[in-house]
N, C-alpha and C. Protein backbone atom coordinates (compact mmCIF):
# COMPACT_ATOMS: atom_id res chain seq x y z
N MET A 1 43.55 20.96 -16.40
CA MET A 1 42.17 20.80 -16.74
C MET A 1 42.08 20.00 -18.05
N ASP A 2 41.26 18.95 -18.07
CA ASP A 2 41.12 18.18 -19.29
C ASP A 2 39.87 18.62 -20.07
N ASP A 3 39.67 18.01 -21.23
CA ASP A 3 38.55 18.40 -22.10
C ASP A 3 37.19 18.16 -21.45
N THR A 4 37.08 17.15 -20.60
CA THR A 4 35.79 16.89 -19.95
C THR A 4 35.43 18.00 -18.99
N GLU A 5 36.42 18.64 -18.40
CA GLU A 5 36.16 19.77 -17.51
C GLU A 5 35.70 20.99 -18.30
N LEU A 6 36.29 21.21 -19.49
CA LEU A 6 35.95 22.37 -20.30
C LEU A 6 34.55 22.29 -20.90
N TYR A 7 34.15 21.09 -21.31
CA TYR A 7 32.87 20.93 -22.01
C TYR A 7 31.87 20.12 -21.19
N ARG A 8 31.94 20.24 -19.88
CA ARG A 8 31.05 19.48 -19.02
C ARG A 8 29.62 19.99 -19.22
N GLU A 9 28.70 19.04 -19.34
CA GLU A 9 27.30 19.38 -19.51
C GLU A 9 26.72 19.90 -18.20
N ARG A 10 26.00 21.00 -18.26
CA ARG A 10 25.41 21.58 -17.06
C ARG A 10 24.14 20.82 -16.71
N ILE A 11 24.07 20.30 -15.50
CA ILE A 11 22.93 19.52 -15.03
C ILE A 11 22.09 20.41 -14.11
N LEU A 12 20.82 20.57 -14.45
CA LEU A 12 19.91 21.33 -13.60
C LEU A 12 19.30 20.38 -12.59
N ARG A 13 19.33 20.76 -11.33
CA ARG A 13 18.84 19.86 -10.30
C ARG A 13 17.44 20.20 -9.82
N HIS A 14 17.23 21.45 -9.42
CA HIS A 14 15.93 21.82 -8.86
C HIS A 14 15.07 22.40 -9.96
N ALA A 15 14.06 21.66 -10.33
CA ALA A 15 13.17 22.09 -11.40
C ALA A 15 11.75 22.16 -10.85
N GLY A 16 10.83 22.53 -11.71
CA GLY A 16 9.43 22.64 -11.30
C GLY A 16 8.84 21.30 -10.95
N PRO A 17 7.58 21.30 -10.54
CA PRO A 17 6.95 20.05 -10.12
C PRO A 17 6.71 19.07 -11.27
N VAL A 18 6.70 19.55 -12.52
CA VAL A 18 6.52 18.66 -13.67
C VAL A 18 7.61 18.97 -14.69
N ILE A 19 8.31 17.92 -15.12
CA ILE A 19 9.35 18.06 -16.13
C ILE A 19 8.97 17.16 -17.30
N THR A 20 8.97 17.71 -18.50
CA THR A 20 8.70 16.92 -19.70
C THR A 20 9.97 16.90 -20.54
N GLY A 21 10.38 15.72 -20.94
CA GLY A 21 11.59 15.63 -21.73
C GLY A 21 11.88 14.20 -22.16
N ARG A 22 13.03 14.02 -22.74
CA ARG A 22 13.48 12.69 -23.19
C ARG A 22 14.27 12.02 -22.08
N PHE A 23 13.99 10.74 -21.90
CA PHE A 23 14.71 9.94 -20.90
C PHE A 23 16.11 9.65 -21.43
N LEU A 24 17.14 10.09 -20.68
CA LEU A 24 18.52 9.86 -21.09
C LEU A 24 19.11 8.61 -20.48
N GLY A 25 18.64 8.23 -19.30
CA GLY A 25 19.16 7.02 -18.69
C GLY A 25 19.25 7.14 -17.17
N PHE A 26 19.55 6.00 -16.58
CA PHE A 26 19.75 5.92 -15.13
C PHE A 26 21.22 6.09 -14.83
N ARG A 27 21.55 6.74 -13.75
CA ARG A 27 22.92 6.84 -13.25
C ARG A 27 23.13 5.69 -12.25
N PRO A 28 24.35 5.45 -11.78
CA PRO A 28 24.58 4.37 -10.81
C PRO A 28 23.75 4.56 -9.53
N SER A 29 23.16 3.46 -9.06
CA SER A 29 22.28 3.48 -7.88
C SER A 29 23.09 3.30 -6.60
N TYR A 30 22.48 3.72 -5.50
CA TYR A 30 23.05 3.50 -4.17
C TYR A 30 21.88 3.38 -3.21
N THR A 31 22.15 2.97 -1.96
CA THR A 31 21.06 2.80 -0.99
C THR A 31 21.06 3.93 0.02
N ARG A 32 19.88 4.20 0.56
CA ARG A 32 19.70 5.19 1.60
C ARG A 32 18.75 4.58 2.63
N GLU A 33 18.94 4.92 3.88
CA GLU A 33 18.16 4.33 4.97
C GLU A 33 16.97 5.22 5.33
N VAL A 34 15.81 4.58 5.58
CA VAL A 34 14.63 5.29 6.06
C VAL A 34 14.81 5.52 7.56
N LYS A 35 14.59 6.73 8.02
CA LYS A 35 14.70 7.01 9.45
C LYS A 35 13.47 6.49 10.18
N VAL A 36 13.70 5.90 11.34
CA VAL A 36 12.62 5.37 12.16
C VAL A 36 12.54 6.18 13.44
N GLY A 37 11.35 6.68 13.77
CA GLY A 37 11.16 7.47 14.98
C GLY A 37 11.35 6.62 16.23
N GLN A 38 12.24 7.02 17.09
CA GLN A 38 12.57 6.25 18.29
C GLN A 38 11.37 6.07 19.24
N PRO A 39 10.61 7.12 19.59
CA PRO A 39 9.49 6.93 20.52
C PRO A 39 8.44 5.96 19.97
N PHE A 40 8.12 6.08 18.70
CA PHE A 40 7.14 5.18 18.09
C PHE A 40 7.64 3.75 18.13
N LEU A 41 8.91 3.56 17.79
CA LEU A 41 9.48 2.22 17.76
C LEU A 41 9.51 1.60 19.16
N VAL A 42 9.82 2.40 20.19
CA VAL A 42 9.82 1.89 21.56
C VAL A 42 8.42 1.45 21.96
N ALA A 43 7.42 2.25 21.62
CA ALA A 43 6.04 1.90 21.96
C ALA A 43 5.62 0.59 21.29
N VAL A 44 5.93 0.45 20.00
CA VAL A 44 5.59 -0.78 19.29
C VAL A 44 6.35 -1.96 19.89
N PHE A 45 7.61 -1.78 20.16
CA PHE A 45 8.44 -2.87 20.68
C PHE A 45 7.97 -3.32 22.07
N VAL A 46 7.64 -2.38 22.96
CA VAL A 46 7.20 -2.72 24.32
C VAL A 46 5.85 -3.42 24.29
N THR A 47 4.89 -2.88 23.52
CA THR A 47 3.58 -3.53 23.47
C THR A 47 3.65 -4.90 22.81
N ALA A 48 4.53 -5.06 21.82
CA ALA A 48 4.72 -6.38 21.21
C ALA A 48 5.36 -7.34 22.21
N ALA A 49 6.26 -6.84 23.05
CA ALA A 49 6.90 -7.69 24.07
C ALA A 49 5.87 -8.20 25.07
N ILE A 50 4.90 -7.34 25.43
CA ILE A 50 3.83 -7.78 26.34
C ILE A 50 3.05 -8.93 25.72
N ALA A 51 2.66 -8.76 24.46
CA ALA A 51 1.90 -9.81 23.78
C ALA A 51 2.72 -11.08 23.63
N GLN A 52 4.01 -10.94 23.34
CA GLN A 52 4.85 -12.12 23.18
C GLN A 52 5.03 -12.84 24.52
N ALA A 53 5.15 -12.08 25.60
CA ALA A 53 5.29 -12.69 26.93
C ALA A 53 4.03 -13.46 27.29
N ILE A 54 2.87 -12.88 27.00
CA ILE A 54 1.61 -13.57 27.29
C ILE A 54 1.48 -14.81 26.41
N GLY A 55 1.85 -14.67 25.13
CA GLY A 55 1.80 -15.82 24.22
C GLY A 55 2.75 -16.93 24.66
N ALA A 56 3.93 -16.57 25.12
CA ALA A 56 4.90 -17.57 25.59
C ALA A 56 4.39 -18.26 26.84
N LEU A 57 3.74 -17.48 27.71
CA LEU A 57 3.15 -18.05 28.92
C LEU A 57 2.06 -19.06 28.57
N LEU A 58 1.18 -18.70 27.63
CA LEU A 58 0.12 -19.62 27.21
C LEU A 58 0.69 -20.86 26.55
N LEU A 59 1.72 -20.71 25.74
CA LEU A 59 2.36 -21.86 25.11
C LEU A 59 3.02 -22.76 26.14
N ALA A 60 3.63 -22.17 27.16
CA ALA A 60 4.27 -22.96 28.20
C ALA A 60 3.24 -23.78 28.98
N VAL A 61 2.06 -23.21 29.16
CA VAL A 61 1.00 -23.93 29.86
C VAL A 61 0.50 -25.08 29.00
N LEU A 62 0.30 -24.83 27.71
CA LEU A 62 -0.23 -25.87 26.83
C LEU A 62 0.79 -26.95 26.51
N ARG A 63 1.99 -26.55 26.29
CA ARG A 63 3.07 -27.50 25.98
C ARG A 63 4.39 -26.89 26.40
N SER A 64 5.35 -27.71 26.60
CA SER A 64 6.65 -27.16 27.00
C SER A 64 7.44 -26.86 25.73
N GLY A 65 7.40 -25.60 25.33
CA GLY A 65 8.12 -25.19 24.13
C GLY A 65 8.46 -23.72 24.24
N GLY A 66 9.39 -23.27 23.44
CA GLY A 66 9.80 -21.87 23.47
C GLY A 66 9.09 -21.06 22.40
N GLY A 67 9.22 -19.77 22.49
CA GLY A 67 8.64 -18.87 21.50
C GLY A 67 9.50 -18.85 20.24
N GLY A 68 8.98 -18.22 19.23
CA GLY A 68 9.70 -18.13 17.96
C GLY A 68 10.83 -17.10 18.02
N ALA A 69 11.57 -17.04 16.97
CA ALA A 69 12.68 -16.08 16.90
C ALA A 69 12.11 -14.65 16.83
N ARG A 70 12.79 -13.73 17.49
CA ARG A 70 12.31 -12.35 17.55
C ARG A 70 13.41 -11.43 17.06
N ARG A 71 13.01 -10.41 16.31
CA ARG A 71 13.99 -9.45 15.83
C ARG A 71 14.38 -8.53 16.97
N LYS A 72 15.64 -8.12 16.97
CA LYS A 72 16.15 -7.28 18.04
C LYS A 72 15.81 -5.82 17.79
N PHE A 73 15.77 -5.05 18.88
CA PHE A 73 15.46 -3.62 18.81
C PHE A 73 16.47 -2.90 17.92
N LYS A 74 17.72 -3.30 18.03
CA LYS A 74 18.80 -2.67 17.24
C LYS A 74 18.53 -2.84 15.74
N ASP A 75 18.04 -4.04 15.34
CA ASP A 75 17.74 -4.29 13.93
C ASP A 75 16.56 -3.44 13.46
N LEU A 76 15.56 -3.29 14.32
CA LEU A 76 14.38 -2.50 13.96
C LEU A 76 14.72 -1.01 13.89
N LYS A 77 15.61 -0.56 14.78
CA LYS A 77 15.98 0.85 14.85
C LYS A 77 16.73 1.30 13.59
N LYS A 78 17.44 0.38 12.97
CA LYS A 78 18.23 0.73 11.80
C LYS A 78 17.37 1.24 10.65
N GLY A 79 16.20 0.68 10.48
CA GLY A 79 15.31 1.13 9.41
C GLY A 79 15.59 0.42 8.11
N PRO A 80 14.59 0.40 7.23
CA PRO A 80 14.78 -0.26 5.93
C PRO A 80 15.63 0.60 5.01
N GLU A 81 16.31 -0.03 4.09
CA GLU A 81 17.08 0.69 3.09
C GLU A 81 16.30 0.66 1.78
N TYR A 82 16.41 1.74 1.03
CA TYR A 82 15.76 1.77 -0.27
C TYR A 82 16.78 2.22 -1.31
N LEU A 83 16.50 1.86 -2.53
CA LEU A 83 17.40 2.16 -3.63
C LEU A 83 17.15 3.57 -4.14
N VAL A 84 18.22 4.34 -4.32
CA VAL A 84 18.15 5.69 -4.89
C VAL A 84 18.89 5.66 -6.22
N THR A 85 18.18 6.03 -7.28
CA THR A 85 18.77 6.04 -8.62
C THR A 85 18.60 7.41 -9.24
N PRO A 86 19.69 8.12 -9.51
CA PRO A 86 19.57 9.39 -10.24
C PRO A 86 19.11 9.13 -11.68
N VAL A 87 18.16 9.92 -12.14
CA VAL A 87 17.60 9.79 -13.48
C VAL A 87 17.87 11.08 -14.24
N ARG A 88 18.32 10.96 -15.48
CA ARG A 88 18.62 12.15 -16.29
C ARG A 88 17.58 12.28 -17.41
N LEU A 89 17.14 13.54 -17.60
CA LEU A 89 16.17 13.89 -18.64
C LEU A 89 16.68 15.09 -19.41
N ARG A 90 16.27 15.23 -20.67
CA ARG A 90 16.62 16.41 -21.46
C ARG A 90 15.34 16.96 -22.08
N ASP A 91 15.09 18.25 -21.85
CA ASP A 91 13.87 18.87 -22.38
C ASP A 91 14.08 19.33 -23.82
N ASP A 92 13.05 19.93 -24.41
CA ASP A 92 13.12 20.37 -25.81
C ASP A 92 14.14 21.47 -26.05
N LEU A 93 14.49 22.22 -25.00
CA LEU A 93 15.47 23.29 -25.13
C LEU A 93 16.90 22.79 -24.99
N GLY A 94 17.06 21.48 -24.74
CA GLY A 94 18.39 20.90 -24.61
C GLY A 94 18.94 20.94 -23.20
N GLN A 95 18.15 21.40 -22.23
CA GLN A 95 18.62 21.43 -20.84
C GLN A 95 18.48 20.04 -20.23
N THR A 96 19.50 19.65 -19.48
CA THR A 96 19.51 18.34 -18.83
C THR A 96 19.13 18.49 -17.37
N TYR A 97 18.24 17.63 -16.91
CA TYR A 97 17.77 17.63 -15.52
C TYR A 97 18.13 16.30 -14.88
N GLU A 98 18.45 16.36 -13.58
CA GLU A 98 18.68 15.13 -12.83
C GLU A 98 17.72 15.10 -11.65
N VAL A 99 16.98 14.02 -11.53
CA VAL A 99 16.04 13.82 -10.43
C VAL A 99 16.38 12.50 -9.76
N GLU A 100 15.98 12.35 -8.49
CA GLU A 100 16.23 11.11 -7.76
C GLU A 100 15.00 10.23 -7.79
N MET A 101 15.19 8.98 -8.17
CA MET A 101 14.11 8.00 -8.10
C MET A 101 14.36 7.13 -6.87
N HIS A 102 13.42 7.09 -5.95
CA HIS A 102 13.52 6.24 -4.77
C HIS A 102 12.71 4.98 -5.03
N GLY A 103 13.36 3.83 -4.90
CA GLY A 103 12.69 2.56 -5.17
C GLY A 103 13.08 2.03 -6.53
N GLN A 104 12.21 1.21 -7.09
CA GLN A 104 12.55 0.54 -8.35
C GLN A 104 11.39 0.62 -9.33
N LEU A 105 11.75 0.56 -10.59
CA LEU A 105 10.81 0.42 -11.69
C LEU A 105 11.24 -0.80 -12.50
N PRO A 106 10.32 -1.41 -13.23
CA PRO A 106 10.73 -2.51 -14.11
C PRO A 106 11.75 -2.03 -15.14
N GLN A 107 12.74 -2.86 -15.44
CA GLN A 107 13.79 -2.48 -16.38
C GLN A 107 13.24 -2.12 -17.76
N SER A 108 12.16 -2.77 -18.17
CA SER A 108 11.61 -2.55 -19.51
C SER A 108 10.67 -1.35 -19.57
N ALA A 109 10.47 -0.65 -18.46
CA ALA A 109 9.51 0.45 -18.41
C ALA A 109 9.98 1.69 -19.16
N LEU A 110 11.27 1.97 -19.12
CA LEU A 110 11.82 3.16 -19.77
C LEU A 110 12.99 2.78 -20.66
N HIS A 111 13.01 3.36 -21.86
CA HIS A 111 14.12 3.15 -22.79
C HIS A 111 14.70 4.51 -23.16
N ARG A 112 15.98 4.54 -23.41
CA ARG A 112 16.66 5.78 -23.78
C ARG A 112 15.94 6.42 -24.97
N GLY A 113 15.61 7.71 -24.82
CA GLY A 113 14.93 8.43 -25.88
C GLY A 113 13.42 8.50 -25.73
N ASP A 114 12.84 7.74 -24.78
CA ASP A 114 11.39 7.81 -24.54
C ASP A 114 11.02 9.22 -24.09
N LEU A 115 9.89 9.71 -24.58
CA LEU A 115 9.36 10.99 -24.13
C LEU A 115 8.61 10.73 -22.83
N VAL A 116 9.00 11.42 -21.77
CA VAL A 116 8.39 11.19 -20.46
C VAL A 116 7.96 12.51 -19.83
N GLN A 117 6.99 12.40 -18.95
CA GLN A 117 6.58 13.53 -18.12
C GLN A 117 6.74 13.06 -16.68
N VAL A 118 7.55 13.79 -15.93
CA VAL A 118 7.91 13.38 -14.57
C VAL A 118 7.32 14.36 -13.57
N ARG A 119 6.61 13.84 -12.57
CA ARG A 119 6.11 14.68 -11.48
C ARG A 119 7.10 14.54 -10.33
N THR A 120 7.55 15.68 -9.79
CA THR A 120 8.59 15.66 -8.75
C THR A 120 8.12 16.40 -7.51
N ARG A 121 8.90 16.21 -6.44
CA ARG A 121 8.64 16.91 -5.18
C ARG A 121 10.00 17.27 -4.57
N VAL A 122 10.09 18.46 -4.00
CA VAL A 122 11.33 18.90 -3.35
C VAL A 122 11.52 18.08 -2.07
N GLN A 123 12.77 17.65 -1.82
CA GLN A 123 13.08 16.88 -0.62
C GLN A 123 13.41 17.82 0.54
N LYS A 124 13.40 17.26 1.76
CA LYS A 124 13.70 18.06 2.96
C LYS A 124 15.10 18.65 2.91
N ASP A 125 16.06 17.87 2.43
CA ASP A 125 17.43 18.34 2.32
C ASP A 125 17.58 19.13 1.02
N PRO A 126 17.85 20.44 1.10
CA PRO A 126 17.93 21.25 -0.12
C PRO A 126 19.12 20.90 -1.03
N ASP A 127 20.09 20.17 -0.52
CA ASP A 127 21.24 19.78 -1.33
C ASP A 127 20.94 18.60 -2.26
N LEU A 128 19.83 17.90 -2.00
CA LEU A 128 19.48 16.74 -2.82
C LEU A 128 18.64 17.17 -4.02
N ALA A 129 18.74 16.40 -5.08
CA ALA A 129 17.91 16.65 -6.26
C ALA A 129 16.45 16.38 -5.91
N VAL A 130 15.53 16.90 -6.72
CA VAL A 130 14.11 16.66 -6.46
C VAL A 130 13.81 15.18 -6.59
N LYS A 131 12.79 14.74 -5.87
CA LYS A 131 12.42 13.32 -5.83
C LYS A 131 11.36 13.05 -6.89
N LEU A 132 11.58 12.03 -7.68
CA LEU A 132 10.63 11.61 -8.69
C LEU A 132 9.47 10.89 -8.00
N GLU A 133 8.26 11.36 -8.19
CA GLU A 133 7.09 10.71 -7.58
C GLU A 133 6.37 9.81 -8.57
N GLN A 134 6.23 10.28 -9.81
CA GLN A 134 5.55 9.48 -10.82
C GLN A 134 6.09 9.83 -12.19
N VAL A 135 6.13 8.83 -13.04
CA VAL A 135 6.58 9.00 -14.42
C VAL A 135 5.44 8.60 -15.34
N LEU A 136 5.17 9.43 -16.32
CA LEU A 136 4.23 9.05 -17.37
C LEU A 136 5.05 8.91 -18.64
N ASN A 137 5.20 7.68 -19.11
CA ASN A 137 5.94 7.43 -20.34
C ASN A 137 5.00 7.80 -21.49
N LEU A 138 5.22 8.96 -22.11
CA LEU A 138 4.35 9.45 -23.18
C LEU A 138 4.53 8.65 -24.47
N THR A 139 5.63 7.93 -24.59
CA THR A 139 5.85 7.08 -25.76
C THR A 139 4.93 5.88 -25.72
N THR A 140 4.79 5.26 -24.54
CA THR A 140 3.94 4.07 -24.39
C THR A 140 2.63 4.36 -23.67
N LEU A 141 2.47 5.59 -23.17
CA LEU A 141 1.31 6.01 -22.36
C LEU A 141 1.15 5.15 -21.11
N GLN A 142 2.27 4.75 -20.53
CA GLN A 142 2.26 3.93 -19.32
C GLN A 142 2.62 4.77 -18.11
N PRO A 143 1.71 4.87 -17.10
CA PRO A 143 2.07 5.57 -15.86
C PRO A 143 2.91 4.64 -14.97
N LEU A 144 3.94 5.17 -14.35
CA LEU A 144 4.85 4.37 -13.53
C LEU A 144 5.07 5.07 -12.18
N THR A 145 5.02 4.31 -11.11
CA THR A 145 5.29 4.84 -9.78
C THR A 145 6.29 3.93 -9.09
N PRO A 146 7.47 4.45 -8.73
CA PRO A 146 8.44 3.61 -8.02
C PRO A 146 7.94 3.29 -6.61
N ARG A 147 8.23 2.11 -6.15
CA ARG A 147 7.80 1.66 -4.81
C ARG A 147 9.02 1.52 -3.91
N ILE A 148 8.89 2.04 -2.68
CA ILE A 148 9.97 1.92 -1.70
C ILE A 148 9.43 1.23 -0.46
N PRO A 149 10.31 0.61 0.34
CA PRO A 149 9.85 0.02 1.59
C PRO A 149 9.40 1.11 2.55
N THR A 150 8.40 0.78 3.35
CA THR A 150 7.87 1.73 4.33
C THR A 150 8.19 1.25 5.74
N LEU A 151 7.89 2.08 6.71
CA LEU A 151 8.07 1.70 8.11
C LEU A 151 7.20 0.48 8.44
N TRP A 152 6.00 0.44 7.87
CA TRP A 152 5.08 -0.67 8.16
C TRP A 152 5.61 -1.98 7.58
N SER A 153 6.16 -1.94 6.38
CA SER A 153 6.71 -3.17 5.81
C SER A 153 7.98 -3.59 6.54
N HIS A 154 8.72 -2.61 7.08
CA HIS A 154 9.95 -2.92 7.83
C HIS A 154 9.62 -3.62 9.14
N LEU A 155 8.62 -3.11 9.86
CA LEU A 155 8.24 -3.72 11.13
C LEU A 155 7.58 -5.07 10.91
N GLY A 156 6.79 -5.20 9.88
CA GLY A 156 6.15 -6.47 9.54
C GLY A 156 4.82 -6.65 10.23
N PRO A 157 3.93 -7.41 9.60
CA PRO A 157 2.59 -7.61 10.16
C PRO A 157 2.60 -8.36 11.49
N GLY A 158 3.53 -9.28 11.66
CA GLY A 158 3.58 -10.05 12.91
C GLY A 158 3.85 -9.18 14.12
N LEU A 159 4.87 -8.32 14.01
CA LEU A 159 5.22 -7.43 15.11
C LEU A 159 4.11 -6.42 15.38
N LEU A 160 3.50 -5.90 14.31
CA LEU A 160 2.41 -4.93 14.50
C LEU A 160 1.19 -5.58 15.13
N LEU A 161 0.89 -6.81 14.76
CA LEU A 161 -0.23 -7.53 15.37
C LEU A 161 0.06 -7.79 16.85
N GLN A 162 1.29 -8.17 17.16
CA GLN A 162 1.68 -8.36 18.56
C GLN A 162 1.55 -7.06 19.33
N ALA A 163 1.92 -5.95 18.72
CA ALA A 163 1.84 -4.65 19.39
C ALA A 163 0.39 -4.29 19.69
N VAL A 164 -0.52 -4.57 18.76
CA VAL A 164 -1.94 -4.28 18.98
C VAL A 164 -2.48 -5.14 20.12
N VAL A 165 -2.13 -6.43 20.13
CA VAL A 165 -2.57 -7.32 21.22
C VAL A 165 -1.98 -6.86 22.55
N GLY A 166 -0.70 -6.50 22.54
CA GLY A 166 -0.05 -6.03 23.76
C GLY A 166 -0.67 -4.74 24.27
N LEU A 167 -1.00 -3.82 23.38
CA LEU A 167 -1.64 -2.57 23.77
C LEU A 167 -3.02 -2.83 24.36
N THR A 168 -3.75 -3.78 23.76
CA THR A 168 -5.07 -4.14 24.28
C THR A 168 -4.97 -4.73 25.68
N VAL A 169 -4.02 -5.63 25.87
CA VAL A 169 -3.83 -6.23 27.20
C VAL A 169 -3.38 -5.19 28.22
N ALA A 170 -2.45 -4.32 27.83
CA ALA A 170 -1.98 -3.26 28.76
C ALA A 170 -3.10 -2.32 29.12
N THR A 171 -3.94 -1.97 28.16
CA THR A 171 -5.09 -1.08 28.43
C THR A 171 -6.08 -1.78 29.37
N PHE A 172 -6.34 -3.08 29.14
CA PHE A 172 -7.26 -3.84 30.00
C PHE A 172 -6.71 -3.91 31.43
N LEU A 173 -5.40 -4.19 31.56
CA LEU A 173 -4.79 -4.27 32.89
C LEU A 173 -4.81 -2.93 33.59
N ALA A 174 -4.57 -1.86 32.86
CA ALA A 174 -4.58 -0.51 33.45
C ALA A 174 -5.99 -0.14 33.91
N ALA A 175 -7.00 -0.50 33.12
CA ALA A 175 -8.39 -0.22 33.48
C ALA A 175 -8.79 -1.03 34.71
N ALA A 176 -8.33 -2.27 34.77
CA ALA A 176 -8.64 -3.11 35.93
C ALA A 176 -7.93 -2.60 37.18
N TRP A 177 -6.73 -2.08 37.02
CA TRP A 177 -5.96 -1.56 38.14
C TRP A 177 -6.61 -0.31 38.72
N ILE A 178 -7.10 0.57 37.83
CA ILE A 178 -7.72 1.81 38.26
C ILE A 178 -9.07 1.55 38.94
N SER A 179 -9.83 0.58 38.48
CA SER A 179 -11.16 0.31 39.05
C SER A 179 -11.12 -0.17 40.46
């Protein structure tokens, strides 16, 4: 056993919804993947395929050309990745807390020793540290919220627009078929 094992600082992980303390710094970051619901993704992908097929048909009639490049289902299923950065804080009693920040903040937003108030939320996995939702830098009075990619930004506006058009066409065809 070396000296670092004997005098290791105790890190508190699960704390209350609000932690006030001094910002100690960021730990090394890593990426984590957002899970994408398979049924929802299949529905979006199929309805977008209907719209793309109709669009390709109309383009073929107007001119002889192919459709644009399309992302594969496998790529969409993987989900977006977001940055996870452990953040360390120390309160007035000298206790050190570690929380997870998902996404990014500007580098100049927090400096070592800044007094901060952090609002947190417990994550689904009890083994993970609490998730940082918002930081109020009490030194500069600047509120900060990390931003992460969402399912909507991962799918993109083009695919979602195609899915809406495809759903509209499928609904129209189904209504015409039933009548």
